[in-house]
Amino acid sequence: MGTVSATYLQSYYNTCVDKGCPSAPLLEQIGHGLEPFENPAARFDNETVLAMLHLAERLTGDTRMGLYAGMGFRPATFLDTSLVSCATLRDALNFNGKYQRLTQELGKTHLDVSAGEARIIWRPFTEDAEYMRPITEAVFAGYAAFGRWLTWLHNQEMVAMRFRHKETQHAEYTSDLFGCSTEYKAPVDMMIFDVSLIDMPLPQSNPTLIDILSKRLDQQLAELDAPATTRAQTYQCIQSMLDVGAPNTARVAAALSVSERTLRRRLADEGMSFRSILENVRRDLCEVFIREHRKSIAEIAQALGYSEQSAFTRAFKKWYGKPPSKYIRGF
């Protein structure tokens, strides 16, 4: 049985609650207490997200939970800014396919371009099409949302949709969402879209940023198949907490369900300290923000959890040998 990330599961949970499902039974289904998403490094069994979605559909009587969730997906939801920075839609789809295990191991997608058609094919890791339906619908609704968002073609219609599951009570809603004919009980789950879009340049292409992020995602893939280290878990926790200020050992220890003393000891056993990991996270994110060209120096300082810009400037000079104003001027 594969796993999904805390971020992936939380995106579905948030959708279900937003659509009127009471949170208590969903949290009970998920387990891990009242704050199951506190640790961003946590992984959950595939069955957890599937059971939660089916429970939400039963409790609300609305079978569109997967579609709702997929429609809310954006390129930055699971893979940071990577997809936005790809050169073409083909690159973005292949990039997502390479790293999608980081968010979910429920199935695998691949892009097929042949015979004048562009197809995204979804192959879930279970043959039960009816049980997988909410996830399958979310996957394709997400790709439609991704594609429209990336290309800025917000009304782009698909050519055809094919689903292995049987026709649903929301079939008309599905056809309207994708803007095309929909086939059910098909041999394979597939989205067919306009092949002329596949190599269209994306407006926010950033090859340098893609290179930086690819190396980090490659490392995360390697860590996914290895025993989880305290360093990696601490890094993820700090990264997720920076938007509300610099996290301390107490907050991170609580997220990891250990004492501060245990956290410090485990990091020391791995030859690391909390302070050094905090600095590594800040420097890594700082490099991404600089390459994105979207934030001012003050906004970068705030995003890295600095309460004062002067403290950020001192750290920046330590990292790059010059103040941020002079360094950024070179890009």
Foldseek 3Di string as FASTA:
>chain_A
DAKFFLLLLVLLLVLLVVVPADNVVLCVLLDPPPCNSLQRRDIGDPVSSLVSLVVSCVRVVDNQSLLSSLLPDEPCSQQHCQLLQAFAQLRSQVVCQVQVSRGPQQWGWDWDDDPQWIKIFTDGPDPPQVSCVSNLNSVVSNSLNHLCVQQVVVPFAFAEWEGLAAQDPCNVVSCVSRVYYYHYNDPTGMTIGRPVRGNDTTPQHFVVLNVLSVVVSVVVVVCVPPPHALLVSLLVSQLVPQLPAGDDLCSSCVSVVHHSVVSQVSQVVVVHGSVVSLLVSLVSVLVSVLSSPPDDLVRSCNSSRHPDSVVVQVSVCVVPVHGPVVVSVVD
